[in-house]
Amino acid sequence: MAVSRSTTEATPISTPRLRLFPAGRRFGRRVAETGPGPIVPANSIAGNALMIVVAIMSFLACITVGAVTLVRDAAHDWQQDVLREVTVQIVPLDGADIEAGTARALAILRQTPGIGSATALSTAQNETLLEPWLGGLDMSELPIPRLIVVEVADAAAIDFAALGAQIAAEVPGAVLDDHRMWTDRLRSMANVTVLVGFAVLLLVFAATVLSVVFATRGAMAGNQGIVSVLHFVGAEDGFVAGEFQRHFLILGLKGGLAGAAAAAVLFALLGLAMTMLRSSPEGAQVSALFGSFAVGPTGYFGALGVAFAIAVLTAITSRITVFRYLGEVK
């Protein structure tokens, strides 16, 4: 009996084609072509969720950088304002001529290099300063100290300790106040703020690393079949890790830039709002504390640096996680 040719021929089975790598390539000898798409899906639900998490972490990190920059600049301005002016207080003592002592203190101050000007407040000006504290009391009979306001032209040229000792020795009851206690407190506050900011950044980076670790292991588990085929045809661990690293680098870069852009918009809106509200009492108080509430170029470039740092951290974390996962499943 004649057998039909169509019934005897086996239907060919489609097999994946192999692309051979040159001998010098470090990513493996050969890899299976599973299709035109990448090994790691670009728009998976887990990937989009991770990108949102990275964007939130980047936003928080950029806000921290902006806040630290704002407080540091404000503290520096406060220190400069405080150091720009010192005072000399002359307390009335029994048997001492306070007017002569005031004139002598003014002469010493005006002869000191680095002093811009020295002005003694009048009795009426002193009473005006004390009125909010003493109310409507008659201060004509009170021993009100004399106050000398000193404008500093060059703080580096003045030895405040020696100047205070000279004034105290030549003028009875005179005390020089260079506000060193307040400047030290401002400096300590600024340093503590910077340390807290770095601690917050470390926590944000740690949370980002943990999120990337879980996402990478989930992606590896979801693509375990593809990874097994790649190993079967000779692909090395470095090639697989490179594919995941490229995927998470792009994902981290998108999320980091999105968070940095949102933080930059928030900084700009806050600065614009403070400019509009500066004439109000509340706006004047905030301006006295934080200036114009502008983070400046340092804050914006810092936010951009944080975005790229998060992207690089995401890529490195994913690569390390892939190598560890492959070592576990072997």
C-alpha atoms as a PDB file:
ATOM      1  CA  MET A   1       0.000   0.000   0.000  1.00  0.00           C
ATOM      2  CA  ALA A   2       1.331   3.402  -0.881  1.00  0.00           C
ATOM      3  CA  VAL A   3       1.690   5.710   2.021  1.00  0.00           C
ATOM      4  CA  SER A   4       1.068   9.376   1.478  1.00  0.00           C
ATOM      5  CA  ARG A   5       4.125  11.563   1.811  1.00  0.00           C
ATOM      6  CA  SER A   6       2.218  14.087   3.876  1.00  0.00           C
ATOM      7  CA  THR A   7       1.455  11.509   6.571  1.00  0.00           C
ATOM      8  CA  THR A   8       4.992  10.216   6.918  1.00  0.00           C
ATOM      9  CA  GLU A   9       6.784  13.515   7.302  1.00  0.00           C
ATOM     10  CA  ALA A  10       6.978  14.763  10.887  1.00  0.00           C
ATOM     11  CA  THR A  11       5.931  18.296  11.526  1.00  0.00           C
ATOM     12  CA  PRO A  12       9.050  20.355  12.303  1.00  0.00           C
ATOM     13  CA  ILE A  13       9.262  21.694  15.882  1.00  0.00           C
ATOM     14  CA  SER A  14      10.288  25.324  16.213  1.00  0.00           C
ATOM     15  CA  THR A  15      13.328  25.756  18.453  1.00  0.00           C
ATOM     16  CA  PRO A  16      14.900  28.915  19.770  1.00  0.00           C
ATOM     17  CA  ARG A  17      17.744  30.182  17.655  1.00  0.00           C
ATOM     18  CA  LEU A  18      21.120  30.632  19.297  1.00  0.00           C
ATOM     19  CA  ARG A  19      23.268  33.727  18.907  1.00  0.00           C
ATOM     20  CA  LEU A  20      26.940  32.937  19.385  1.00  0.00           C
ATOM     21  CA  PHE A  21      29.030  35.523  21.193  1.00  0.00           C
ATOM     22  CA  PRO A  22      32.662  36.212  20.173  1.00  0.00           C
ATOM     23  CA  ALA A  23      35.227  34.412  22.289  1.00  0.00           C
ATOM     24  CA  GLY A  24      36.413  37.622  23.911  1.00  0.00           C
ATOM     25  CA  ARG A  25      33.030  38.738  25.189  1.00  0.00           C
ATOM     26  CA  ARG A  26      32.723  38.486  28.977  1.00  0.00           C
ATOM     27  CA  PHE A  27      28.940  38.138  29.105  1.00  0.00           C
ATOM     28  CA  GLY A  28      28.859  34.514  28.037  1.00  0.00           C
ATOM     29  CA  ARG A  29      29.527  32.281  25.088  1.00  0.00           C
ATOM     30  CA  ARG A  30      25.994  32.065  23.708  1.00  0.00           C
ATOM     31  CA  VAL A  31      22.483  33.059  24.692  1.00  0.00           C
ATOM     32  CA  ALA A  32      19.065  31.983  23.485  1.00  0.00           C
ATOM     33  CA  GLU A  33      17.014  34.484  21.543  1.00  0.00           C
ATOM     34  CA  THR A  34      13.648  34.283  23.244  1.00  0.00           C
ATOM     35  CA  GLY A  35      12.118  37.145  21.317  1.00  0.00           C
ATOM     36  CA  PRO A  36      12.550  40.817  20.558  1.00  0.00           C
ATOM     37  CA  GLY A  37      11.692  41.931  24.096  1.00  0.00           C
ATOM     38  CA  PRO A  38      14.113  42.304  27.015  1.00  0.00           C
ATOM     39  CA  ILE A  39      14.685  39.611  29.605  1.00  0.00           C
ATOM     40  CA  VAL A  40      13.094  41.757  32.320  1.00  0.00           C
ATOM     41  CA  PRO A  41       9.686  43.215  31.340  1.00  0.00           C
ATOM     42  CA  ALA A  42       9.900  46.986  31.121  1.00  0.00           C
ATOM     43  CA  ASN A  43       6.337  47.884  32.176  1.00  0.00           C
ATOM     44  CA  SER A  44       5.388  45.280  34.733  1.00  0.00           C
ATOM     45  CA  ILE A  45       3.145  46.091  37.674  1.00  0.00           C
ATOM     46  CA  ALA A  46       5.950  45.394  40.153  1.00  0.00           C
ATOM     47  CA  GLY A  47       8.348  47.600  38.194  1.00  0.00           C
ATOM     48  CA  ASN A  48       5.905  50.511  38.096  1.00  0.00           C
ATOM     49  CA  ALA A  49       5.215  50.126  41.803  1.00  0.00           C
ATOM     50  CA  LEU A  50       8.942  50.146  42.545  1.00  0.00           C
ATOM     51  CA  MET A  51       9.394  53.258  40.413  1.00  0.00           C
ATOM     52  CA  ILE A  52       6.720  55.024  42.486  1.00  0.00           C
ATOM     53  CA  VAL A  53       8.450  53.942  45.695  1.00  0.00           C
ATOM     54  CA  VAL A  54      11.791  55.231  44.366  1.00  0.00           C
ATOM     55  CA  ALA A  55      10.155  58.525  43.378  1.00  0.00           C
ATOM     56  CA  ILE A  56       8.725  58.933  46.892  1.00  0.00           C
ATOM     57  CA  MET A  57      12.078  58.121  48.483  1.00  0.00           C
ATOM     58  CA  SER A  58      13.831  60.553  46.156  1.00  0.00           C
ATOM     59  CA  PHE A  59      11.282  63.259  46.998  1.00  0.00           C
ATOM     60  CA  LEU A  60      11.819  62.771  50.730  1.00  0.00           C
ATOM     61  CA  ALA A  61      15.598  62.766  50.318  1.00  0.00           C
ATOM     62  CA  CYS A  62      15.504  65.958  48.226  1.00  0.00           C
ATOM     63  CA  ILE A  63      13.226  67.649  50.763  1.00  0.00           C
ATOM     64  CA  THR A  64      15.738  66.716  53.462  1.00  0.00           C
ATOM     65  CA  VAL A  65      18.625  68.160  51.448  1.00  0.00           C
ATOM     66  CA  GLY A  66      16.652  71.362  50.830  1.00  0.00           C
ATOM     67  CA  ALA A  67      15.697  71.717  54.505  1.00  0.00           C
ATOM     68  CA  VAL A  68      19.274  71.159  55.665  1.00  0.00           C
ATOM     69  CA  THR A  69      20.545  73.700  53.130  1.00  0.00           C
ATOM     70  CA  LEU A  70      17.909  76.217  54.199  1.00  0.00           C
ATOM     71  CA  VAL A  71      18.669  75.896  57.918  1.00  0.00           C
ATOM     72  CA  ARG A  72      22.423  75.942  57.348  1.00  0.00           C
ATOM     73  CA  ASP A  73      22.253  79.114  55.227  1.00  0.00           C
ATOM     74  CA  ALA A  74      19.882  80.769  57.707  1.00  0.00           C
ATOM     75  CA  ALA A  75      22.179  79.917  60.631  1.00  0.00           C
ATOM     76  CA  HIS A  76      25.156  81.315  58.726  1.00  0.00           C
ATOM     77  CA  ASP A  77      23.261  84.557  58.046  1.00  0.00           C
ATOM     78  CA  TRP A  78      22.251  84.770  61.710  1.00  0.00           C
ATOM     79  CA  GLN A  79      25.858  84.345  62.800  1.00  0.00           C
ATOM     80  CA  GLN A  80      27.004  87.054  60.412  1.00  0.00           C
ATOM     81  CA  ASP A  81      24.303  89.419  61.654  1.00  0.00           C
ATOM     82  CA  VAL A  82      25.152  88.739  65.291  1.00  0.00           C
ATOM     83  CA  LEU A  83      28.890  89.150  64.748  1.00  0.00           C
ATOM     84  CA  ARG A  84      28.302  92.369  62.835  1.00  0.00           C
ATOM     85  CA  GLU A  85      27.207  94.146  66.013  1.00  0.00           C
ATOM     86  CA  VAL A  86      28.400  94.033  69.643  1.00  0.00           C
ATOM     87  CA  THR A  87      27.300  96.024  72.680  1.00  0.00           C
ATOM     88  CA  VAL A  88      28.902  97.566  75.721  1.00  0.00           C
ATOM     89  CA  GLN A  89      26.778  97.916  78.843  1.00  0.00           C
ATOM     90  CA  ILE A  90      27.825 100.344  81.592  1.00  0.00           C
ATOM     91  CA  VAL A  91      26.106  99.717  84.932  1.00  0.00           C
ATOM     92  CA  PRO A  92      25.738 102.721  87.278  1.00  0.00           C
ATOM     93  CA  LEU A  93      27.924 102.280  90.376  1.00  0.00           C
ATOM     94  CA  ASP A  94      28.115 104.343  93.565  1.00  0.00           C
ATOM     95  CA  GLY A  95      30.758 107.024  93.264  1.00  0.00           C
ATOM     96  CA  ALA A  96      31.304 106.443  89.523  1.00  0.00           C
ATOM     97  CA  ASP A  97      30.586 109.036  86.839  1.00  0.00           C
ATOM     98  CA  ILE A  98      28.611 107.105  84.264  1.00  0.00           C
ATOM     99  CA  GLU A  99      28.867 109.881  81.662  1.00  0.00           C
ATOM    100  CA  ALA A 100      32.643 110.001  81.945  1.00  0.00           C
ATOM    101  CA  GLY A 101      32.784 106.220  81.781  1.00  0.00           C
ATOM    102  CA  THR A 102      30.642 106.244  78.644  1.00  0.00           C
ATOM    103  CA  ALA A 103      32.938 108.791  76.986  1.00  0.00           C
ATOM    104  CA  ARG A 104      36.008 106.727  77.902  1.00  0.00           C
ATOM    105  CA  ALA A 105      34.457 103.525  76.533  1.00  0.00           C
ATOM    106  CA  LEU A 106      33.574 105.321  73.290  1.00  0.00           C
ATOM    107  CA  ALA A 107      37.161 106.563  72.954  1.00  0.00           C
ATOM    108  CA  ILE A 108      38.574 103.047  73.446  1.00  0.00           C
ATOM    109  CA  LEU A 109      36.168 101.533  70.933  1.00  0.00           C
ATOM    110  CA  ARG A 110      36.772 104.159  68.240  1.00  0.00           C
ATOM    111  CA  GLN A 111      40.536 103.682  68.521  1.00  0.00           C
ATOM    112  CA  THR A 112      40.316  99.907  68.082  1.00  0.00           C
ATOM    113  CA  PRO A 113      41.128  98.612  64.564  1.00  0.00           C
ATOM    114  CA  GLY A 114      38.198  96.761  62.999  1.00  0.00           C
ATOM    115  CA  ILE A 115      35.488  98.836  64.719  1.00  0.00           C
ATOM    116  CA  GLY A 116      33.258 100.602  62.234  1.00  0.00           C
ATOM    117  CA  SER A 117      31.319 102.868  64.591  1.00  0.00           C
ATOM    118  CA  ALA A 118      30.345 103.177  68.245  1.00  0.00           C
ATOM    119  CA  THR A 119      27.209 105.018  69.355  1.00  0.00           C
ATOM    120  CA  ALA A 120      25.912 105.524  72.899  1.00  0.00           C
ATOM    121  CA  LEU A 121      22.157 105.328  73.236  1.00  0.00           C
ATOM    122  CA  SER A 122      20.496 108.259  74.923  1.00  0.00           C
ATOM    123  CA  THR A 123      18.475 107.984  78.124  1.00  0.00           C
ATOM    124  CA  ALA A 124      15.253 108.222  76.128  1.00  0.00           C
ATOM    125  CA  GLN A 125      16.337 105.395  73.827  1.00  0.00           C
ATOM    126  CA  ASN A 126      17.238 103.215  76.804  1.00  0.00           C
ATOM    127  CA  GLU A 127      13.845 103.869  78.371  1.00  0.00           C
ATOM    128  CA  THR A 128      12.172 102.947  75.069  1.00  0.00           C
ATOM    129  CA  LEU A 129      14.012  99.624  75.058  1.00  0.00           C
ATOM    130  CA  LEU A 130      12.962  98.876  78.648  1.00  0.00           C
ATOM    131  CA  GLU A 131       9.364 100.007  78.318  1.00  0.00           C
ATOM    132  CA  PRO A 132       7.985  96.654  76.982  1.00  0.00           C
ATOM    133  CA  TRP A 133       9.509  94.940  80.041  1.00  0.00           C
ATOM    134  CA  LEU A 134       8.712  97.495  82.743  1.00  0.00           C
ATOM    135  CA  GLY A 135       5.416  98.821  81.425  1.00  0.00           C
ATOM    136  CA  GLY A 136       4.448 102.384  82.214  1.00  0.00           C
ATOM    137  CA  LEU A 137       6.693 102.830  85.254  1.00  0.00           C
ATOM    138  CA  ASP A 138       8.463 106.119  85.876  1.00  0.00           C
ATOM    139  CA  MET A 139      12.069 105.238  85.022  1.00  0.00           C
ATOM    140  CA  SER A 140      13.561 108.625  85.822  1.00  0.00           C
ATOM    141  CA  GLU A 141      14.632 107.467  89.294  1.00  0.00           C
ATOM    142  CA  LEU A 142      15.828 104.005  88.224  1.00  0.00           C
ATOM    143  CA  PRO A 143      19.552 103.268  87.755  1.00  0.00           C
ATOM    144  CA  ILE A 144      19.291 102.492  84.058  1.00  0.00           C
ATOM    145  CA  PRO A 145      22.541 101.242  82.484  1.00  0.00           C
ATOM    146  CA  ARG A 146      24.014 103.029  79.488  1.00  0.00           C
ATOM    147  CA  LEU A 147      24.251 101.021  76.304  1.00  0.00           C
ATOM    148  CA  ILE A 148      26.779 101.494  73.509  1.00  0.00           C
ATOM    149  CA  VAL A 149      26.032  99.909  70.130  1.00  0.00           C
ATOM    150  CA  VAL A 150      29.186  98.942  68.224  1.00  0.00           C
ATOM    151  CA  GLU A 151      29.201  98.203  64.493  1.00  0.00           C
ATOM    152  CA  VAL A 152      31.962  95.771  63.547  1.00  0.00           C
ATOM    153  CA  ALA A 153      33.725  96.374  60.240  1.00  0.00           C
ATOM    154  CA  ASP A 154      36.268  93.526  60.408  1.00  0.00           C
ATOM    155  CA  ALA A 155      35.635  90.889  63.070  1.00  0.00           C
ATOM    156  CA  ALA A 156      38.863  89.041  62.234  1.00  0.00           C
ATOM    157  CA  ALA A 157      40.949  92.094  63.206  1.00  0.00           C
ATOM    158  CA  ILE A 158      39.426  92.400  66.684  1.00  0.00           C
ATOM    159  CA  ASP A 159      40.471  90.487  69.778  1.00  0.00           C
ATOM    160  CA  PHE A 160      37.179  90.696  71.659  1.00  0.00           C
ATOM    161  CA  ALA A 161      38.575  89.110  74.816  1.00  0.00           C
ATOM    162  CA  ALA A 162      41.386  91.679  75.075  1.00  0.00           C
ATOM    163  CA  LEU A 163      39.043  94.529  74.166  1.00  0.00           C
ATOM    164  CA  GLY A 164      36.537  93.492  76.832  1.00  0.00           C
ATOM    165  CA  ALA A 165      39.280  93.226  79.451  1.00  0.00           C
ATOM    166  CA  GLN A 166      40.590  96.705  78.577  1.00  0.00           C
ATOM    167  CA  ILE A 167      37.153  98.313  78.780  1.00  0.00           C
ATOM    168  CA  ALA A 168      36.359  96.552  82.065  1.00  0.00           C
ATOM    169  CA  ALA A 169      39.682  97.730  83.535  1.00  0.00           C
ATOM    170  CA  GLU A 170      39.356 101.378  82.511  1.00  0.00           C
ATOM    171  CA  VAL A 171      35.592 101.867  82.827  1.00  0.00           C
ATOM    172  CA  PRO A 172      33.973 100.766  86.122  1.00  0.00           C
ATOM    173  CA  GLY A 173      30.851  98.679  85.607  1.00  0.00           C
ATOM    174  CA  ALA A 174      31.428  98.220  81.835  1.00  0.00           C
ATOM    175  CA  VAL A 175      30.865  94.829  80.182  1.00  0.00           C
ATOM    176  CA  LEU A 176      31.492  93.982  76.528  1.00  0.00           C
ATOM    177  CA  ASP A 177      28.996  91.503  75.051  1.00  0.00           C
ATOM    178  CA  ASP A 178      30.188  90.031  71.732  1.00  0.00           C
ATOM    179  CA  HIS A 179      27.235  87.580  71.606  1.00  0.00           C
ATOM    180  CA  ARG A 180      29.652  84.651  71.447  1.00  0.00           C
ATOM    181  CA  MET A 181      27.224  82.488  73.429  1.00  0.00           C
ATOM    182  CA  TRP A 182      24.506  83.001  70.818  1.00  0.00           C
ATOM    183  CA  THR A 183      26.814  82.348  67.887  1.00  0.00           C
ATOM    184  CA  ASP A 184      28.021  79.129  69.522  1.00  0.00           C
ATOM    185  CA  ARG A 185      24.436  78.012  69.998  1.00  0.00           C
ATOM    186  CA  LEU A 186      23.573  78.829  66.395  1.00  0.00           C
ATOM    187  CA  ARG A 187      26.610  76.911  65.184  1.00  0.00           C
ATOM    188  CA  SER A 188      25.689  73.918  67.332  1.00  0.00           C
ATOM    189  CA  MET A 189      22.101  74.007  66.070  1.00  0.00           C
ATOM    190  CA  ALA A 190      23.262  74.104  62.461  1.00  0.00           C
ATOM    191  CA  ASN A 191      25.650  71.186  63.032  1.00  0.00           C
ATOM    192  CA  VAL A 192      22.923  69.114  64.701  1.00  0.00           C
ATOM    193  CA  THR A 193      20.560  69.884  61.812  1.00  0.00           C
ATOM    194  CA  VAL A 194      23.131  68.701  59.284  1.00  0.00           C
ATOM    195  CA  LEU A 195      23.719  65.480  61.241  1.00  0.00           C
ATOM    196  CA  VAL A 196      19.975  64.815  61.456  1.00  0.00           C
ATOM    197  CA  GLY A 197      19.681  65.430  57.729  1.00  0.00           C
ATOM    198  CA  PHE A 198      22.424  62.914  56.979  1.00  0.00           C
ATOM    199  CA  ALA A 199      20.723  60.390  59.261  1.00  0.00           C
ATOM    200  CA  VAL A 200      17.429  60.849  57.397  1.00  0.00           C
ATOM    201  CA  LEU A 201      19.221  60.431  54.061  1.00  0.00           C
ATOM    202  CA  LEU A 202      20.805  57.200  55.267  1.00  0.00           C
ATOM    203  CA  LEU A 203      17.384  55.893  56.333  1.00  0.00           C
ATOM    204  CA  VAL A 204      15.880  56.810  52.957  1.00  0.00           C
ATOM    205  CA  PHE A 205      18.728  55.100  51.108  1.00  0.00           C
ATOM    206  CA  ALA A 206      18.380  52.019  53.328  1.00  0.00           C
ATOM    207  CA  ALA A 207      14.640  51.832  52.588  1.00  0.00           C
ATOM    208  CA  THR A 208      15.376  52.206  48.869  1.00  0.00           C
ATOM    209  CA  VAL A 209      17.935  49.393  48.993  1.00  0.00           C
ATOM    210  CA  LEU A 210      15.492  47.058  50.738  1.00  0.00           C
ATOM    211  CA  SER A 211      12.755  47.858  48.209  1.00  0.00           C
ATOM    212  CA  VAL A 212      15.105  47.157  45.304  1.00  0.00           C
ATOM    213  CA  VAL A 213      16.256  43.892  46.889  1.00  0.00           C
ATOM    214  CA  PHE A 214      12.689  42.611  47.211  1.00  0.00           C
ATOM    215  CA  ALA A 215      11.779  43.803  43.706  1.00  0.00           C
ATOM    216  CA  THR A 216      14.869  42.203  42.160  1.00  0.00           C
ATOM    217  CA  ARG A 217      14.294  38.865  43.861  1.00  0.00           C
ATOM    218  CA  GLY A 218      10.665  38.975  42.770  1.00  0.00           C
ATOM    219  CA  ALA A 219      11.698  39.684  39.184  1.00  0.00           C
ATOM    220  CA  MET A 220      14.253  36.853  39.312  1.00  0.00           C
ATOM    221  CA  ALA A 221      11.638  34.454  40.641  1.00  0.00           C
ATOM    222  CA  GLY A 222       9.148  35.529  37.981  1.00  0.00           C
ATOM    223  CA  ASN A 223      11.700  35.043  35.206  1.00  0.00           C
ATOM    224  CA  GLN A 224      13.306  31.901  36.613  1.00  0.00           C
ATOM    225  CA  GLY A 225      12.467  29.897  33.504  1.00  0.00           C
ATOM    226  CA  ILE A 226      14.169  32.364  31.213  1.00  0.00           C
ATOM    227  CA  VAL A 227      17.198  32.569  33.491  1.00  0.00           C
ATOM    228  CA  SER A 228      17.455  28.762  33.537  1.00  0.00           C
ATOM    229  CA  VAL A 229      17.371  28.603  29.728  1.00  0.00           C
ATOM    230  CA  LEU A 230      20.063  31.265  29.522  1.00  0.00           C
ATOM    231  CA  HIS A 231      22.301  29.271  31.853  1.00  0.00           C
ATOM    232  CA  PHE A 232      21.572  26.097  29.898  1.00  0.00           C
ATOM    233  CA  VAL A 233      22.808  27.621  26.646  1.00  0.00           C
ATOM    234  CA  GLY A 234      25.938  29.036  28.272  1.00  0.00           C
ATOM    235  CA  ALA A 235      25.126  32.565  29.449  1.00  0.00           C
ATOM    236  CA  GLU A 236      27.249  33.661  32.368  1.00  0.00           C
ATOM    237  CA  ASP A 237      26.011  35.258  35.579  1.00  0.00           C
ATOM    238  CA  GLY A 238      27.468  38.609  34.557  1.00  0.00           C
ATOM    239  CA  PHE A 239      25.252  38.784  31.485  1.00  0.00           C
ATOM    240  CA  VAL A 240      22.091  38.047  33.485  1.00  0.00           C
ATOM    241  CA  ALA A 241      23.090  40.520  36.181  1.00  0.00           C
ATOM    242  CA  GLY A 242      23.799  43.149  33.526  1.00  0.00           C
ATOM    243  CA  GLU A 243      20.300  42.804  32.089  1.00  0.00           C
ATOM    244  CA  PHE A 244      18.693  43.304  35.504  1.00  0.00           C
ATOM    245  CA  GLN A 245      21.111  46.105  36.350  1.00  0.00           C
ATOM    246  CA  ARG A 246      20.224  47.984  33.147  1.00  0.00           C
ATOM    247  CA  HIS A 247      16.521  47.560  33.826  1.00  0.00           C
ATOM    248  CA  PHE A 248      16.698  48.819  37.408  1.00  0.00           C
ATOM    249  CA  LEU A 249      19.089  51.643  36.512  1.00  0.00           C
ATOM    250  CA  ILE A 250      16.540  53.061  34.078  1.00  0.00           C
ATOM    251  CA  LEU A 251      13.759  52.496  36.577  1.00  0.00           C
ATOM    252  CA  GLY A 252      15.696  54.162  39.398  1.00  0.00           C
ATOM    253  CA  LEU A 253      16.669  57.078  37.153  1.00  0.00           C
ATOM    254  CA  LYS A 254      13.050  57.718  36.184  1.00  0.00           C
ATOM    255  CA  GLY A 255      11.849  57.508  39.782  1.00  0.00           C
ATOM    256  CA  GLY A 256      14.731  59.587  41.143  1.00  0.00           C
ATOM    257  CA  LEU A 257      14.293  62.377  38.600  1.00  0.00           C
ATOM    258  CA  ALA A 258      10.528  62.404  39.165  1.00  0.00           C
ATOM    259  CA  GLY A 259      11.025  62.823  42.925  1.00  0.00           C
ATOM    260  CA  ALA A 260      13.683  65.509  42.419  1.00  0.00           C
ATOM    261  CA  ALA A 261      11.442  67.404  39.994  1.00  0.00           C
ATOM    262  CA  ALA A 262       8.560  67.328  42.482  1.00  0.00           C
ATOM    263  CA  ALA A 263      10.856  68.610  45.248  1.00  0.00           C
ATOM    264  CA  ALA A 264      12.177  71.404  42.995  1.00  0.00           C
ATOM    265  CA  VAL A 265       8.617  72.491  42.182  1.00  0.00           C
ATOM    266  CA  LEU A 266       7.791  72.527  45.898  1.00  0.00           C
ATOM    267  CA  PHE A 267      10.878  74.652  46.653  1.00  0.00           C
ATOM    268  CA  ALA A 268       9.947  77.124  43.921  1.00  0.00           C
ATOM    269  CA  LEU A 269       6.325  77.373  45.107  1.00  0.00           C
ATOM    270  CA  LEU A 270       7.388  77.955  48.725  1.00  0.00           C
ATOM    271  CA  GLY A 271       9.822  80.661  47.652  1.00  0.00           C
ATOM    272  CA  LEU A 272       7.135  82.356  45.549  1.00  0.00           C
ATOM    273  CA  ALA A 273       4.627  82.158  48.405  1.00  0.00           C
ATOM    274  CA  MET A 274       7.100  83.698  50.850  1.00  0.00           C
ATOM    275  CA  THR A 275       7.803  86.528  48.417  1.00  0.00           C
ATOM    276  CA  MET A 276       4.082  87.272  48.191  1.00  0.00           C
ATOM    277  CA  LEU A 277       3.495  87.004  51.966  1.00  0.00           C
ATOM    278  CA  ARG A 278       6.578  88.901  53.108  1.00  0.00           C
ATOM    279  CA  SER A 279       4.561  92.051  53.784  1.00  0.00           C
ATOM    280  CA  SER A 280       2.310  90.246  56.305  1.00  0.00           C
ATOM    281  CA  PRO A 281       3.351  89.851  59.979  1.00  0.00           C
ATOM    282  CA  GLU A 282       3.556  86.064  59.677  1.00  0.00           C
ATOM    283  CA  GLY A 283       5.637  86.333  56.522  1.00  0.00           C
ATOM    284  CA  ALA A 284       7.945  88.838  58.204  1.00  0.00           C
ATOM    285  CA  GLN A 285       8.533  86.444  61.099  1.00  0.00           C
ATOM    286  CA  VAL A 286       9.329  83.541  58.775  1.00  0.00           C
ATOM    287  CA  SER A 287      11.603  85.794  56.717  1.00  0.00           C
ATOM    288  CA  ALA A 288      13.434  86.797  59.883  1.00  0.00           C
ATOM    289  CA  LEU A 289      14.056  83.117  60.628  1.00  0.00           C
ATOM    290  CA  PHE A 290      14.738  81.693  57.158  1.00  0.00           C
ATOM    291  CA  GLY A 291      15.394  84.711  54.972  1.00  0.00           C
ATOM    292  CA  SER A 292      13.686  84.542  51.593  1.00  0.00           C
ATOM    293  CA  PHE A 293      12.995  80.810  52.076  1.00  0.00           C
ATOM    294  CA  ALA A 294      15.028  80.030  48.963  1.00  0.00           C
ATOM    295  CA  VAL A 295      17.234  76.952  48.949  1.00  0.00           C
ATOM    296  CA  GLY A 296      19.510  78.417  46.301  1.00  0.00           C
ATOM    297  CA  PRO A 297      21.603  76.565  43.706  1.00  0.00           C
ATOM    298  CA  THR A 298      23.088  74.284  46.383  1.00  0.00           C
ATOM    299  CA  GLY A 299      19.678  72.841  47.212  1.00  0.00           C
ATOM    300  CA  TYR A 300      18.675  72.286  43.581  1.00  0.00           C
ATOM    301  CA  PHE A 301      21.990  70.709  42.586  1.00  0.00           C
ATOM    302  CA  GLY A 302      21.867  68.650  45.769  1.00  0.00           C
ATOM    303  CA  ALA A 303      18.420  67.342  44.800  1.00  0.00           C
ATOM    304  CA  LEU A 304      19.708  66.437  41.339  1.00  0.00           C
ATOM    305  CA  GLY A 305      22.689  64.658  42.885  1.00  0.00           C
ATOM    306  CA  VAL A 306      20.363  62.709  45.178  1.00  0.00           C
ATOM    307  CA  ALA A 307      18.304  61.572  42.173  1.00  0.00           C
ATOM    308  CA  PHE A 308      21.362  60.210  40.356  1.00  0.00           C
ATOM    309  CA  ALA A 309      22.708  58.676  43.573  1.00  0.00           C
ATOM    310  CA  ILE A 310      19.441  56.790  44.066  1.00  0.00           C
ATOM    311  CA  ALA A 311      19.546  55.560  40.451  1.00  0.00           C
ATOM    312  CA  VAL A 312      23.126  54.293  40.814  1.00  0.00           C
ATOM    313  CA  LEU A 313      22.296  52.743  44.183  1.00  0.00           C
ATOM    314  CA  THR A 314      19.315  50.978  42.636  1.00  0.00           C
ATOM    315  CA  ALA A 315      21.429  49.533  39.819  1.00  0.00           C
ATOM    316  CA  ILE A 316      24.244  48.370  42.103  1.00  0.00           C
ATOM    317  CA  THR A 317      21.797  46.819  44.564  1.00  0.00           C
ATOM    318  CA  SER A 318      20.013  44.912  41.813  1.00  0.00           C
ATOM    319  CA  ARG A 319      23.296  43.573  40.422  1.00  0.00           C
ATOM    320  CA  ILE A 320      24.487  42.348  43.831  1.00  0.00           C
ATOM    321  CA  THR A 321      21.081  40.809  44.527  1.00  0.00           C
ATOM    322  CA  VAL A 322      21.115  38.930  41.192  1.00  0.00           C
ATOM    323  CA  PHE A 323      24.543  37.456  41.892  1.00  0.00           C
ATOM    324  CA  ARG A 324      23.468  36.330  45.354  1.00  0.00           C
ATOM    325  CA  TYR A 325      20.232  34.851  44.034  1.00  0.00           C
ATOM    326  CA  LEU A 326      22.028  32.945  41.295  1.00  0.00           C
ATOM    327  CA  GLY A 327      24.477  31.638  43.856  1.00  0.00           C
ATOM    328  CA  GLU A 328      21.601  30.347  45.977  1.00  0.00           C
ATOM    329  CA  VAL A 329      19.781  28.520  43.177  1.00  0.00           C
ATOM    330  CA  LYS A 330      22.835  26.789  41.747  1.00  0.00           C
END
